Amino acid sequence: MSELNPYAKFLDGRPLEAILSATSHEIANKLQMIGPDKSIEQPSPGKWSPAEIVCHLADCEIAFAFRLRQTLAEDHHILQPFDQDKWATPYKGIAAKDALAAFTSLRSWNLKLIAKALPVSASKPVTHPERGTMTFQNIVETMAGHDLNHIAQLSRIAKPA
């Protein structure tokens, strides 16, 4: 079994809700620094462009939304993993601003659910086939670490050469 949150190393000690609430703004800031032309360029062969990273974040927000809700709604739920590279197939040509709008809307909705669910449901268990038994709280922690991982990628791309 791998660790419950493979993105835990990116967590920086801030409250999870603060990280999750700031992500849309952070992405928008990085995209502004990157600019629309560079947002469609791959930083290196085989790596996603900034626009594709934001598409990935929007897709992950859909997956996290379902996972959070299934965890709350069902006992002994088993999460469904997904292949991010297969999900990324249609990303080329989707504007970063459109992906950010989708992400922002979905994140806002998820934050409302998280605020209502925590702390009461923090320890509600769920099983991830690759990570083992985890909790609602672990999913929220994974979301925050995943955000910070991709914000760091966008930051590296945004740095002047």
Foldseek 3Di string as FASTA:
>chain_A
DDALAPLLVLDDPDPLLVLLVCLLVLLVVLCVLCDQVQQQDAPDPPHGRVLLLLLLLLVVLVLLVVVLVCLVPDAAAERDDDDSVVVSVPRRPDGSVVSSVSNVVSSVVVSVVVVVCPPVQQARWYAYPVHGIDGSVSSSSNSSSSSSVSSVVSVVSSDDD
